[in-house]
N, C-alpha and C. Protein backbone atom coordinates (compact mmCIF):
# COMPACT_ATOMS: atom_id res chain seq x y z
N MET A 1 -14.72 0.91 -12.45
CA MET A 1 -15.59 1.70 -11.57
C MET A 1 -15.49 1.22 -10.12
N VAL A 2 -15.54 -0.11 -9.95
CA VAL A 2 -15.44 -0.67 -8.61
C VAL A 2 -14.07 -0.37 -8.00
N THR A 3 -13.01 -0.47 -8.82
CA THR A 3 -11.66 -0.19 -8.34
C THR A 3 -11.54 1.24 -7.85
N SER A 4 -12.12 2.17 -8.59
CA SER A 4 -12.09 3.58 -8.20
C SER A 4 -12.81 3.80 -6.87
N VAL A 5 -13.97 3.17 -6.72
CA VAL A 5 -14.73 3.29 -5.47
C VAL A 5 -13.95 2.68 -4.32
N LEU A 6 -13.34 1.53 -4.56
CA LEU A 6 -12.55 0.86 -3.52
C LEU A 6 -11.41 1.74 -3.04
N ASN A 7 -10.70 2.35 -3.97
CA ASN A 7 -9.58 3.21 -3.60
C ASN A 7 -10.04 4.37 -2.72
N LYS A 8 -11.17 4.97 -3.09
CA LYS A 8 -11.70 6.10 -2.32
C LYS A 8 -12.19 5.66 -0.95
N MET A 9 -12.85 4.50 -0.90
CA MET A 9 -13.38 4.02 0.37
C MET A 9 -12.27 3.62 1.33
N ARG A 10 -11.23 2.97 0.81
CA ARG A 10 -10.10 2.59 1.66
C ARG A 10 -9.47 3.85 2.28
N PHE A 11 -9.25 4.86 1.45
CA PHE A 11 -8.62 6.09 1.93
C PHE A 11 -9.49 6.76 2.99
N LYS A 12 -10.79 6.74 2.77
CA LYS A 12 -11.73 7.36 3.71
C LYS A 12 -11.77 6.60 5.03
N ILE A 13 -11.79 5.27 4.96
CA ILE A 13 -11.80 4.44 6.17
C ILE A 13 -10.53 4.69 6.98
N LEU A 14 -9.42 4.82 6.28
CA LEU A 14 -8.13 5.01 6.94
C LEU A 14 -7.99 6.38 7.58
N THR A 15 -8.49 7.41 6.91
CA THR A 15 -8.19 8.78 7.35
C THR A 15 -9.28 9.45 8.18
N GLU A 16 -10.48 8.88 8.22
CA GLU A 16 -11.55 9.52 8.98
C GLU A 16 -11.81 8.81 10.31
N LYS A 17 -12.24 9.58 11.29
CA LYS A 17 -12.62 8.99 12.58
C LYS A 17 -14.02 8.38 12.46
N HIS A 18 -14.17 7.18 12.98
CA HIS A 18 -15.48 6.53 12.97
C HIS A 18 -15.78 5.97 14.35
N THR A 19 -17.02 6.13 14.79
CA THR A 19 -17.43 5.55 16.06
C THR A 19 -17.77 4.08 15.85
N GLU A 20 -17.85 3.34 16.93
CA GLU A 20 -18.09 1.90 16.85
C GLU A 20 -19.45 1.58 16.24
N ASP A 21 -20.40 2.52 16.31
CA ASP A 21 -21.73 2.25 15.79
C ASP A 21 -21.95 2.82 14.38
N TYR A 22 -20.85 3.21 13.70
CA TYR A 22 -20.95 3.78 12.35
C TYR A 22 -21.29 2.67 11.35
N MET A 23 -22.43 2.80 10.69
CA MET A 23 -22.91 1.77 9.77
C MET A 23 -22.81 2.22 8.31
N LEU A 24 -22.64 1.26 7.42
CA LEU A 24 -22.57 1.51 5.98
C LEU A 24 -23.83 0.96 5.32
N THR A 25 -24.43 1.74 4.45
CA THR A 25 -25.60 1.26 3.71
C THR A 25 -25.35 1.39 2.22
N GLU A 26 -25.82 0.42 1.46
CA GLU A 26 -25.60 0.43 0.01
C GLU A 26 -26.22 1.65 -0.65
N ILE A 27 -27.41 2.02 -0.20
CA ILE A 27 -28.13 3.15 -0.81
C ILE A 27 -27.33 4.45 -0.64
N ALA A 28 -26.89 4.71 0.60
CA ALA A 28 -26.15 5.95 0.88
C ALA A 28 -24.83 5.98 0.13
N LEU A 29 -24.13 4.85 0.10
CA LEU A 29 -22.83 4.79 -0.58
C LEU A 29 -22.98 4.92 -2.09
N ALA A 30 -24.02 4.30 -2.65
CA ALA A 30 -24.26 4.40 -4.09
C ALA A 30 -24.51 5.85 -4.49
N LYS A 31 -25.21 6.56 -3.63
CA LYS A 31 -25.48 7.98 -3.90
C LYS A 31 -24.21 8.81 -3.74
N GLU A 32 -23.42 8.51 -2.70
CA GLU A 32 -22.19 9.27 -2.44
C GLU A 32 -21.18 9.13 -3.57
N TYR A 33 -21.04 7.91 -4.12
CA TYR A 33 -20.03 7.65 -5.15
C TYR A 33 -20.61 7.62 -6.56
N ASN A 34 -21.92 7.84 -6.65
CA ASN A 34 -22.60 7.91 -7.95
C ASN A 34 -22.39 6.65 -8.79
N VAL A 35 -22.60 5.50 -8.14
CA VAL A 35 -22.49 4.21 -8.82
C VAL A 35 -23.70 3.36 -8.42
N SER A 36 -23.83 2.21 -9.05
CA SER A 36 -24.94 1.32 -8.75
C SER A 36 -24.75 0.62 -7.40
N ARG A 37 -25.85 0.13 -6.86
CA ARG A 37 -25.77 -0.61 -5.60
C ARG A 37 -24.99 -1.91 -5.81
N GLY A 38 -25.05 -2.46 -7.01
CA GLY A 38 -24.30 -3.67 -7.31
C GLY A 38 -22.80 -3.43 -7.18
N SER A 39 -22.34 -2.27 -7.67
CA SER A 39 -20.92 -1.93 -7.57
C SER A 39 -20.52 -1.76 -6.10
N ILE A 40 -21.40 -1.11 -5.33
CA ILE A 40 -21.14 -0.92 -3.91
C ILE A 40 -21.10 -2.26 -3.19
N ARG A 41 -22.01 -3.15 -3.55
CA ARG A 41 -22.06 -4.48 -2.91
C ARG A 41 -20.75 -5.22 -3.14
N THR A 42 -20.25 -5.13 -4.38
CA THR A 42 -18.98 -5.79 -4.70
C THR A 42 -17.83 -5.17 -3.90
N ALA A 43 -17.82 -3.84 -3.83
CA ALA A 43 -16.76 -3.13 -3.10
C ALA A 43 -16.78 -3.50 -1.62
N LEU A 44 -17.96 -3.59 -1.04
CA LEU A 44 -18.09 -3.92 0.37
C LEU A 44 -17.58 -5.33 0.65
N GLN A 45 -17.82 -6.25 -0.28
CA GLN A 45 -17.34 -7.62 -0.10
C GLN A 45 -15.82 -7.66 -0.11
N VAL A 46 -15.21 -6.90 -1.02
CA VAL A 46 -13.75 -6.84 -1.09
C VAL A 46 -13.19 -6.25 0.21
N LEU A 47 -13.80 -5.16 0.69
CA LEU A 47 -13.32 -4.51 1.91
C LEU A 47 -13.48 -5.42 3.12
N GLU A 48 -14.52 -6.24 3.11
CA GLU A 48 -14.69 -7.19 4.22
C GLU A 48 -13.61 -8.27 4.16
N ASN A 49 -13.29 -8.72 2.95
CA ASN A 49 -12.22 -9.72 2.79
C ASN A 49 -10.87 -9.16 3.25
N GLU A 50 -10.70 -7.84 3.12
CA GLU A 50 -9.46 -7.20 3.53
C GLU A 50 -9.44 -6.88 5.03
N GLY A 51 -10.57 -7.10 5.70
CA GLY A 51 -10.63 -6.88 7.14
C GLY A 51 -10.92 -5.45 7.54
N LEU A 52 -11.40 -4.62 6.61
CA LEU A 52 -11.67 -3.22 6.92
C LEU A 52 -13.10 -2.99 7.39
N ILE A 53 -14.01 -3.89 7.04
CA ILE A 53 -15.38 -3.81 7.53
C ILE A 53 -15.83 -5.19 7.98
N THR A 54 -16.92 -5.23 8.69
CA THR A 54 -17.45 -6.51 9.16
C THR A 54 -18.96 -6.53 9.00
N THR A 55 -19.54 -7.71 8.87
CA THR A 55 -21.00 -7.87 8.78
C THR A 55 -21.52 -8.35 10.12
N LEU A 56 -22.46 -7.61 10.68
CA LEU A 56 -23.04 -7.96 11.97
C LEU A 56 -24.08 -9.07 11.80
N SER A 57 -24.55 -9.60 12.91
CA SER A 57 -25.53 -10.69 12.87
C SER A 57 -26.85 -10.28 12.21
N ASN A 58 -27.13 -8.97 12.23
CA ASN A 58 -28.37 -8.47 11.60
C ASN A 58 -28.17 -8.13 10.13
N GLY A 59 -26.97 -8.42 9.61
CA GLY A 59 -26.70 -8.20 8.19
C GLY A 59 -26.15 -6.82 7.86
N ARG A 60 -26.12 -5.93 8.82
CA ARG A 60 -25.62 -4.57 8.57
C ARG A 60 -24.10 -4.56 8.53
N LYS A 61 -23.55 -3.61 7.76
CA LYS A 61 -22.11 -3.49 7.59
C LYS A 61 -21.56 -2.40 8.51
N GLN A 62 -20.45 -2.72 9.14
CA GLN A 62 -19.84 -1.79 10.08
C GLN A 62 -18.34 -1.67 9.81
N ILE A 63 -17.82 -0.44 9.85
CA ILE A 63 -16.39 -0.21 9.66
C ILE A 63 -15.62 -0.68 10.89
N LYS A 64 -14.50 -1.35 10.66
CA LYS A 64 -13.59 -1.68 11.76
C LYS A 64 -12.64 -0.50 11.94
N CYS A 65 -12.63 0.06 13.12
CA CYS A 65 -11.82 1.25 13.37
C CYS A 65 -10.34 0.97 13.12
N ILE A 66 -9.68 1.91 12.46
CA ILE A 66 -8.25 1.82 12.20
C ILE A 66 -7.51 2.45 13.37
N THR A 67 -6.94 1.61 14.20
CA THR A 67 -6.23 2.09 15.39
C THR A 67 -4.72 2.12 15.14
N GLU A 68 -4.00 2.74 16.06
CA GLU A 68 -2.53 2.76 15.96
C GLU A 68 -1.98 1.34 16.03
N LYS A 69 -2.60 0.50 16.85
CA LYS A 69 -2.16 -0.89 16.96
C LYS A 69 -2.34 -1.62 15.63
N TYR A 70 -3.46 -1.36 14.94
CA TYR A 70 -3.69 -1.99 13.64
C TYR A 70 -2.60 -1.61 12.66
N ILE A 71 -2.26 -0.32 12.63
CA ILE A 71 -1.21 0.17 11.72
C ILE A 71 0.12 -0.51 12.02
N LYS A 72 0.49 -0.57 13.29
CA LYS A 72 1.76 -1.17 13.67
C LYS A 72 1.79 -2.67 13.36
N ASP A 73 0.67 -3.34 13.61
CA ASP A 73 0.60 -4.77 13.31
C ASP A 73 0.77 -5.03 11.81
N LEU A 74 0.13 -4.19 11.00
CA LEU A 74 0.21 -4.35 9.56
C LEU A 74 1.63 -4.15 9.05
N TYR A 75 2.30 -3.13 9.57
CA TYR A 75 3.69 -2.90 9.16
C TYR A 75 4.62 -3.99 9.66
N ASP A 76 4.31 -4.59 10.82
CA ASP A 76 5.10 -5.73 11.30
C ASP A 76 5.02 -6.89 10.29
N VAL A 77 3.81 -7.14 9.82
CA VAL A 77 3.61 -8.21 8.84
C VAL A 77 4.33 -7.87 7.54
N ARG A 78 4.26 -6.61 7.14
CA ARG A 78 4.95 -6.19 5.92
C ARG A 78 6.46 -6.42 6.04
N ARG A 79 7.03 -6.07 7.19
CA ARG A 79 8.46 -6.29 7.39
C ARG A 79 8.83 -7.76 7.24
N MET A 80 8.04 -8.61 7.87
CA MET A 80 8.33 -10.05 7.80
C MET A 80 8.25 -10.57 6.37
N LEU A 81 7.21 -10.18 5.65
CA LEU A 81 7.00 -10.68 4.29
C LEU A 81 8.08 -10.18 3.33
N GLU A 82 8.36 -8.87 3.36
CA GLU A 82 9.33 -8.31 2.40
C GLU A 82 10.75 -8.78 2.69
N CYS A 83 11.10 -8.90 3.96
CA CYS A 83 12.45 -9.39 4.30
C CYS A 83 12.62 -10.83 3.84
N LYS A 84 11.58 -11.64 4.00
CA LYS A 84 11.64 -13.02 3.55
C LYS A 84 11.81 -13.07 2.03
N ALA A 85 11.04 -12.27 1.31
CA ALA A 85 11.13 -12.24 -0.15
C ALA A 85 12.51 -11.80 -0.60
N ALA A 86 13.05 -10.77 0.05
CA ALA A 86 14.37 -10.25 -0.32
C ALA A 86 15.47 -11.28 -0.07
N ASN A 87 15.38 -11.99 1.05
CA ASN A 87 16.38 -13.02 1.36
C ASN A 87 16.33 -14.18 0.37
N ILE A 88 15.14 -14.51 -0.09
CA ILE A 88 15.01 -15.54 -1.12
C ILE A 88 15.67 -15.06 -2.40
N LEU A 89 15.43 -13.80 -2.75
CA LEU A 89 15.96 -13.23 -3.99
C LEU A 89 17.49 -13.27 -4.03
N ILE A 90 18.13 -12.83 -2.94
CA ILE A 90 19.60 -12.76 -2.97
C ILE A 90 20.25 -14.14 -2.90
N SER A 91 19.44 -15.15 -2.64
CA SER A 91 19.99 -16.51 -2.60
C SER A 91 19.78 -17.25 -3.93
N LYS A 92 18.97 -16.64 -4.83
CA LYS A 92 18.69 -17.28 -6.12
C LYS A 92 19.80 -16.97 -7.12
N LYS A 93 20.04 -17.92 -8.01
CA LYS A 93 21.08 -17.73 -9.03
C LYS A 93 20.58 -16.97 -10.24
N ASN A 94 19.38 -17.27 -10.67
CA ASN A 94 18.86 -16.63 -11.88
C ASN A 94 17.63 -15.78 -11.53
N VAL A 95 17.80 -14.48 -11.62
CA VAL A 95 16.72 -13.54 -11.31
C VAL A 95 16.57 -12.56 -12.47
N ARG A 96 15.33 -12.29 -12.85
CA ARG A 96 15.08 -11.32 -13.93
C ARG A 96 15.07 -9.90 -13.33
N TYR A 97 16.27 -9.37 -13.16
CA TYR A 97 16.39 -8.05 -12.56
C TYR A 97 15.74 -6.95 -13.40
N SER A 98 15.49 -7.24 -14.66
CA SER A 98 14.91 -6.23 -15.56
C SER A 98 13.56 -5.72 -15.07
N VAL A 99 12.83 -6.56 -14.34
CA VAL A 99 11.52 -6.15 -13.81
C VAL A 99 11.71 -5.03 -12.79
N LEU A 100 12.68 -5.19 -11.90
CA LEU A 100 12.97 -4.15 -10.91
C LEU A 100 13.62 -2.94 -11.57
N ALA A 101 14.50 -3.19 -12.53
CA ALA A 101 15.19 -2.10 -13.23
C ALA A 101 14.20 -1.18 -13.94
N LYS A 102 13.14 -1.78 -14.49
CA LYS A 102 12.12 -0.98 -15.20
C LYS A 102 11.43 -0.02 -14.23
N SER A 103 11.19 -0.46 -13.02
CA SER A 103 10.56 0.40 -12.01
C SER A 103 11.48 1.58 -11.68
N ILE A 104 12.77 1.30 -11.52
CA ILE A 104 13.74 2.37 -11.23
C ILE A 104 13.78 3.37 -12.38
N GLU A 105 13.77 2.85 -13.59
CA GLU A 105 13.77 3.71 -14.78
C GLU A 105 12.53 4.59 -14.81
N ASP A 106 11.38 3.99 -14.47
CA ASP A 106 10.13 4.75 -14.49
C ASP A 106 10.10 5.81 -13.39
N PHE A 107 10.66 5.50 -12.21
CA PHE A 107 10.76 6.50 -11.14
C PHE A 107 11.51 7.73 -11.63
N ASN A 108 12.62 7.48 -12.34
CA ASN A 108 13.47 8.57 -12.82
C ASN A 108 12.85 9.36 -13.96
N SER A 109 11.95 8.72 -14.70
CA SER A 109 11.41 9.36 -15.90
C SER A 109 10.14 10.16 -15.66
N ILE A 110 9.58 10.06 -14.44
CA ILE A 110 8.36 10.82 -14.15
C ILE A 110 8.68 12.31 -14.13
N GLU A 111 8.02 13.03 -14.98
CA GLU A 111 8.17 14.49 -15.01
C GLU A 111 6.79 15.10 -15.22
N ASN A 112 6.22 15.60 -14.13
CA ASN A 112 4.88 16.17 -14.24
C ASN A 112 4.76 17.32 -13.25
N GLU A 113 4.29 18.46 -13.76
CA GLU A 113 4.14 19.64 -12.92
C GLU A 113 2.96 19.50 -11.97
N ASN A 114 2.01 18.64 -12.32
CA ASN A 114 0.83 18.42 -11.50
C ASN A 114 1.18 17.41 -10.39
N GLU A 115 1.15 17.86 -9.14
CA GLU A 115 1.58 17.01 -8.04
C GLU A 115 0.65 15.82 -7.84
N ASP A 116 -0.64 15.99 -8.08
CA ASP A 116 -1.58 14.88 -7.93
C ASP A 116 -1.29 13.77 -8.94
N VAL A 117 -0.98 14.17 -10.17
CA VAL A 117 -0.64 13.19 -11.21
C VAL A 117 0.68 12.50 -10.86
N LEU A 118 1.64 13.28 -10.37
CA LEU A 118 2.93 12.73 -9.97
C LEU A 118 2.73 11.67 -8.89
N ARG A 119 1.93 11.99 -7.89
CA ARG A 119 1.68 11.05 -6.80
C ARG A 119 1.03 9.77 -7.31
N LYS A 120 0.06 9.92 -8.20
CA LYS A 120 -0.68 8.76 -8.72
C LYS A 120 0.24 7.85 -9.53
N GLU A 121 1.05 8.43 -10.42
CA GLU A 121 1.96 7.62 -11.24
C GLU A 121 3.02 6.95 -10.37
N ARG A 122 3.53 7.69 -9.40
CA ARG A 122 4.56 7.16 -8.52
C ARG A 122 4.02 6.02 -7.66
N SER A 123 2.79 6.13 -7.23
CA SER A 123 2.18 5.09 -6.42
C SER A 123 2.09 3.77 -7.18
N LYS A 124 1.75 3.85 -8.45
CA LYS A 124 1.66 2.64 -9.28
C LYS A 124 3.03 1.98 -9.43
N ILE A 125 4.06 2.81 -9.65
CA ILE A 125 5.42 2.27 -9.82
C ILE A 125 5.91 1.66 -8.51
N ASN A 126 5.64 2.36 -7.41
CA ASN A 126 6.06 1.87 -6.09
C ASN A 126 5.44 0.51 -5.79
N THR A 127 4.15 0.38 -6.08
CA THR A 127 3.45 -0.90 -5.87
C THR A 127 4.07 -1.99 -6.74
N ARG A 128 4.38 -1.64 -7.98
CA ARG A 128 4.95 -2.63 -8.91
C ARG A 128 6.33 -3.10 -8.45
N PHE A 129 7.14 -2.17 -7.93
CA PHE A 129 8.48 -2.52 -7.45
C PHE A 129 8.40 -3.53 -6.30
N HIS A 130 7.60 -3.21 -5.29
CA HIS A 130 7.53 -4.07 -4.11
C HIS A 130 6.84 -5.40 -4.42
N ARG A 131 5.87 -5.39 -5.30
CA ARG A 131 5.22 -6.65 -5.68
C ARG A 131 6.21 -7.55 -6.42
N ALA A 132 7.10 -6.92 -7.20
CA ALA A 132 8.09 -7.69 -7.96
C ALA A 132 9.00 -8.51 -7.05
N LEU A 133 9.26 -8.02 -5.84
CA LEU A 133 10.08 -8.77 -4.89
C LEU A 133 9.46 -10.14 -4.62
N PHE A 134 8.14 -10.15 -4.51
CA PHE A 134 7.43 -11.40 -4.22
C PHE A 134 7.29 -12.27 -5.45
N GLU A 135 7.02 -11.64 -6.58
CA GLU A 135 6.88 -12.41 -7.82
C GLU A 135 8.20 -13.08 -8.19
N LEU A 136 9.30 -12.37 -8.02
CA LEU A 136 10.61 -12.91 -8.37
C LEU A 136 11.10 -13.96 -7.37
N SER A 137 10.53 -13.95 -6.17
CA SER A 137 10.92 -14.97 -5.18
C SER A 137 10.41 -16.34 -5.59
N ASP A 138 9.40 -16.37 -6.45
CA ASP A 138 8.82 -17.62 -6.95
C ASP A 138 8.25 -18.46 -5.80
N ASN A 139 7.74 -17.77 -4.78
CA ASN A 139 7.11 -18.43 -3.65
C ASN A 139 5.63 -18.05 -3.67
N ARG A 140 4.80 -18.96 -4.13
CA ARG A 140 3.38 -18.66 -4.34
C ARG A 140 2.66 -18.28 -3.04
N SER A 141 2.99 -18.97 -1.96
CA SER A 141 2.33 -18.69 -0.68
C SER A 141 2.71 -17.32 -0.17
N LEU A 142 3.97 -16.95 -0.35
CA LEU A 142 4.44 -15.63 0.07
C LEU A 142 3.73 -14.54 -0.73
N LEU A 143 3.63 -14.76 -2.04
CA LEU A 143 2.95 -13.79 -2.91
C LEU A 143 1.47 -13.67 -2.53
N GLN A 144 0.85 -14.78 -2.18
CA GLN A 144 -0.56 -14.76 -1.79
C GLN A 144 -0.75 -13.93 -0.52
N CYS A 145 0.15 -14.08 0.44
CA CYS A 145 0.07 -13.29 1.67
C CYS A 145 0.20 -11.80 1.37
N TRP A 146 1.15 -11.46 0.48
CA TRP A 146 1.35 -10.06 0.12
C TRP A 146 0.13 -9.50 -0.61
N THR A 147 -0.44 -10.27 -1.51
CA THR A 147 -1.60 -9.82 -2.28
C THR A 147 -2.76 -9.45 -1.36
N THR A 148 -2.87 -10.14 -0.23
CA THR A 148 -3.96 -9.89 0.72
C THR A 148 -3.87 -8.50 1.33
N ILE A 149 -2.65 -8.06 1.66
CA ILE A 149 -2.50 -6.76 2.33
C ILE A 149 -2.06 -5.64 1.38
N GLU A 150 -1.72 -5.98 0.15
CA GLU A 150 -1.19 -4.98 -0.79
C GLU A 150 -2.09 -3.77 -0.99
N PRO A 151 -3.43 -3.93 -1.17
CA PRO A 151 -4.27 -2.74 -1.38
C PRO A 151 -4.24 -1.77 -0.21
N ILE A 152 -4.16 -2.30 1.02
CA ILE A 152 -4.13 -1.42 2.20
C ILE A 152 -2.77 -0.75 2.31
N ILE A 153 -1.71 -1.49 2.03
CA ILE A 153 -0.36 -0.91 2.03
C ILE A 153 -0.27 0.22 1.00
N GLU A 154 -0.87 -0.01 -0.17
CA GLU A 154 -0.85 1.02 -1.22
C GLU A 154 -1.62 2.26 -0.78
N THR A 155 -2.73 2.06 -0.09
CA THR A 155 -3.51 3.20 0.42
C THR A 155 -2.71 3.99 1.44
N MET A 156 -1.97 3.29 2.28
CA MET A 156 -1.12 3.96 3.26
C MET A 156 0.00 4.73 2.58
N ALA A 157 0.52 4.18 1.49
CA ALA A 157 1.55 4.89 0.72
C ALA A 157 0.97 6.16 0.12
N ASP A 158 -0.28 6.10 -0.33
CA ASP A 158 -0.96 7.29 -0.86
C ASP A 158 -1.11 8.35 0.23
N LEU A 159 -1.45 7.89 1.43
CA LEU A 159 -1.58 8.81 2.57
C LEU A 159 -0.24 9.48 2.87
N ASN A 160 0.83 8.68 2.90
CA ASN A 160 2.17 9.22 3.17
C ASN A 160 2.55 10.27 2.14
N SER A 161 2.25 9.98 0.88
CA SER A 161 2.60 10.89 -0.20
C SER A 161 1.80 12.19 -0.11
N ALA A 162 0.55 12.08 0.35
CA ALA A 162 -0.35 13.23 0.38
C ALA A 162 0.04 14.28 1.41
N ILE A 163 0.79 13.87 2.44
CA ILE A 163 1.12 14.83 3.50
C ILE A 163 2.49 15.46 3.31
N ASN A 164 3.18 15.09 2.25
CA ASN A 164 4.52 15.63 2.00
C ASN A 164 4.56 16.37 0.66
N ASP A 165 5.59 17.18 0.52
CA ASP A 165 5.82 17.85 -0.75
C ASP A 165 6.16 16.80 -1.80
N ALA A 166 5.32 16.68 -2.81
CA ALA A 166 5.45 15.58 -3.78
C ALA A 166 6.79 15.58 -4.51
N LYS A 167 7.26 16.73 -4.94
CA LYS A 167 8.49 16.77 -5.75
C LYS A 167 9.74 16.62 -4.90
N GLU A 168 9.74 17.22 -3.73
CA GLU A 168 10.91 17.09 -2.85
C GLU A 168 11.04 15.64 -2.38
N GLN A 169 9.93 15.05 -2.04
CA GLN A 169 9.92 13.67 -1.55
C GLN A 169 10.29 12.68 -2.64
N HIS A 170 10.01 13.03 -3.88
CA HIS A 170 10.18 12.11 -4.99
C HIS A 170 11.62 11.61 -5.11
N LYS A 171 12.57 12.52 -5.10
CA LYS A 171 13.98 12.12 -5.26
C LYS A 171 14.55 11.50 -4.00
N ASN A 172 14.28 12.13 -2.85
CA ASN A 172 14.88 11.68 -1.60
C ASN A 172 14.35 10.33 -1.14
N LEU A 173 13.05 10.14 -1.24
CA LEU A 173 12.44 8.92 -0.70
C LEU A 173 12.25 7.85 -1.75
N TYR A 174 11.75 8.24 -2.90
CA TYR A 174 11.38 7.22 -3.88
C TYR A 174 12.55 6.80 -4.76
N ILE A 175 13.19 7.73 -5.44
CA ILE A 175 14.27 7.35 -6.35
C ILE A 175 15.48 6.81 -5.58
N ASN A 176 16.01 7.59 -4.66
CA ASN A 176 17.23 7.18 -3.95
C ASN A 176 17.05 5.89 -3.16
N LYS A 177 15.95 5.78 -2.45
CA LYS A 177 15.74 4.60 -1.61
C LYS A 177 15.57 3.33 -2.44
N HIS A 178 14.82 3.42 -3.54
CA HIS A 178 14.59 2.22 -4.35
C HIS A 178 15.83 1.85 -5.17
N VAL A 179 16.63 2.84 -5.54
CA VAL A 179 17.91 2.54 -6.20
C VAL A 179 18.82 1.79 -5.23
N GLU A 180 18.83 2.23 -3.97
CA GLU A 180 19.65 1.56 -2.96
C GLU A 180 19.19 0.10 -2.77
N LEU A 181 17.90 -0.11 -2.67
CA LEU A 181 17.37 -1.47 -2.52
C LEU A 181 17.74 -2.33 -3.72
N PHE A 182 17.59 -1.77 -4.91
CA PHE A 182 17.88 -2.49 -6.14
C PHE A 182 19.36 -2.91 -6.21
N ASP A 183 20.24 -1.97 -5.86
CA ASP A 183 21.68 -2.26 -5.89
C ASP A 183 22.05 -3.39 -4.93
N LEU A 184 21.46 -3.38 -3.75
CA LEU A 184 21.76 -4.42 -2.76
C LEU A 184 21.27 -5.79 -3.22
N ILE A 185 20.15 -5.80 -3.92
CA ILE A 185 19.62 -7.07 -4.43
C ILE A 185 20.54 -7.63 -5.51
N ILE A 186 20.97 -6.78 -6.41
CA ILE A 186 21.87 -7.20 -7.48
C ILE A 186 23.19 -7.74 -6.91
N LYS A 187 23.70 -7.08 -5.88
CA LYS A 187 24.97 -7.48 -5.27
C LYS A 187 24.80 -8.67 -4.33
N ARG A 188 23.56 -9.11 -4.14
CA ARG A 188 23.26 -10.21 -3.19
C ARG A 188 23.80 -9.88 -1.81
N ASP A 189 23.62 -8.63 -1.44
CA ASP A 189 24.13 -8.12 -0.17
C ASP A 189 23.11 -8.40 0.93
N LYS A 190 23.55 -9.07 1.98
CA LYS A 190 22.65 -9.45 3.07
C LYS A 190 22.13 -8.25 3.86
N SER A 191 22.75 -7.09 3.67
CA SER A 191 22.26 -5.90 4.36
C SER A 191 20.96 -5.39 3.76
N ILE A 192 20.47 -6.03 2.69
CA ILE A 192 19.19 -5.67 2.08
C ILE A 192 18.08 -5.75 3.12
N GLU A 193 18.18 -6.73 4.03
CA GLU A 193 17.13 -6.88 5.05
C GLU A 193 17.05 -5.66 5.95
N GLN A 194 18.19 -5.19 6.42
CA GLN A 194 18.20 -4.01 7.28
C GLN A 194 17.75 -2.77 6.54
N CYS A 195 18.12 -2.67 5.27
CA CYS A 195 17.71 -1.53 4.45
C CYS A 195 16.20 -1.52 4.26
N LEU A 196 15.63 -2.69 4.01
CA LEU A 196 14.18 -2.80 3.87
C LEU A 196 13.47 -2.44 5.17
N ILE A 197 14.00 -2.94 6.27
CA ILE A 197 13.39 -2.66 7.57
C ILE A 197 13.35 -1.15 7.82
N GLN A 198 14.46 -0.47 7.52
CA GLN A 198 14.51 0.98 7.72
C GLN A 198 13.52 1.69 6.80
N HIS A 199 13.43 1.23 5.57
CA HIS A 199 12.50 1.79 4.58
C HIS A 199 11.06 1.65 5.08
N ILE A 200 10.73 0.48 5.60
CA ILE A 200 9.37 0.23 6.08
C ILE A 200 9.12 0.96 7.39
N ASN A 201 10.13 1.05 8.24
CA ASN A 201 10.00 1.83 9.48
C ASN A 201 9.66 3.29 9.18
N ASP A 202 10.35 3.85 8.18
CA ASP A 202 10.09 5.24 7.79
C ASP A 202 8.66 5.40 7.29
N ALA A 203 8.20 4.42 6.51
CA ALA A 203 6.83 4.47 5.99
C ALA A 203 5.82 4.39 7.13
N GLU A 204 6.10 3.55 8.11
CA GLU A 204 5.20 3.41 9.26
C GLU A 204 5.09 4.73 10.02
N GLU A 205 6.23 5.38 10.25
CA GLU A 205 6.22 6.66 10.96
C GLU A 205 5.43 7.70 10.19
N GLU A 206 5.58 7.71 8.87
CA GLU A 206 4.84 8.66 8.04
C GLU A 206 3.33 8.39 8.12
N THR A 207 2.95 7.12 8.11
CA THR A 207 1.52 6.78 8.19
C THR A 207 0.93 7.24 9.51
N LEU A 208 1.61 6.97 10.60
CA LEU A 208 1.11 7.37 11.92
C LEU A 208 1.02 8.90 12.02
N ARG A 209 2.01 9.57 11.44
CA ARG A 209 1.97 11.04 11.43
C ARG A 209 0.83 11.53 10.55
N GLY A 210 0.63 10.86 9.41
CA GLY A 210 -0.43 11.25 8.49
C GLY A 210 -1.81 11.12 9.08
N LEU A 211 -2.02 10.08 9.88
CA LEU A 211 -3.32 9.90 10.52
C LEU A 211 -3.63 11.06 11.46
N LYS A 212 -2.61 11.54 12.17
CA LYS A 212 -2.82 12.66 13.07
C LYS A 212 -3.16 13.94 12.30
N VAL A 213 -2.55 14.08 11.12
CA VAL A 213 -2.83 15.26 10.29
C VAL A 213 -4.26 15.22 9.75
N TRP A 214 -4.67 14.05 9.22
CA TRP A 214 -5.98 13.92 8.59
C TRP A 214 -7.13 13.87 9.60
N ARG A 215 -6.85 13.37 10.80
CA ARG A 215 -7.93 13.18 11.78
C ARG A 215 -8.06 14.32 12.79
N VAL A 216 -7.48 15.45 12.48
CA VAL A 216 -7.59 16.61 13.37
C VAL A 216 -9.06 17.03 13.50
């Protein structure tokens, strides 16, 4: 229940315009999402840990506005983290490629006429693929850094998916791009870094475009 509320709140914080004095209250949020105040309290704590809201000196909760600079800064961090993980991977001798291969297989096997279901299933696979880069690097500190920003990155991926044709985008962006990344990792090709950077650059552009669409 809390996870569902968190996903909805992250998306709303990202896509809606908020003034600096916009406040969050447990009572109003519990009513909006039809959950207990305890669930809302837990969700608010998680969002504060993620840097999306802040607690003022009077105890009230306030949303931190999502600016273009925030988006660009976040993607800069993502580029640094994923490129580091990929470079570690191609330098390792023994890697369980089956974890990444399973994600590629799942991308190819998704067949659903319902675009919302397609987006939801694809989002889970996409998150699993990119997280695997960090898990396979066997660098605990790197994985910890990724875990901190992963929920927000996933929300941005959901935003990107929502503004495009789900089925057309599926093959061109998700299957082809992740197959390319996977092949470069297996070949221990140093161009994996540039490929990742381009992949993340494209995602950043989509997010910035998506914000303009949603915030009209």
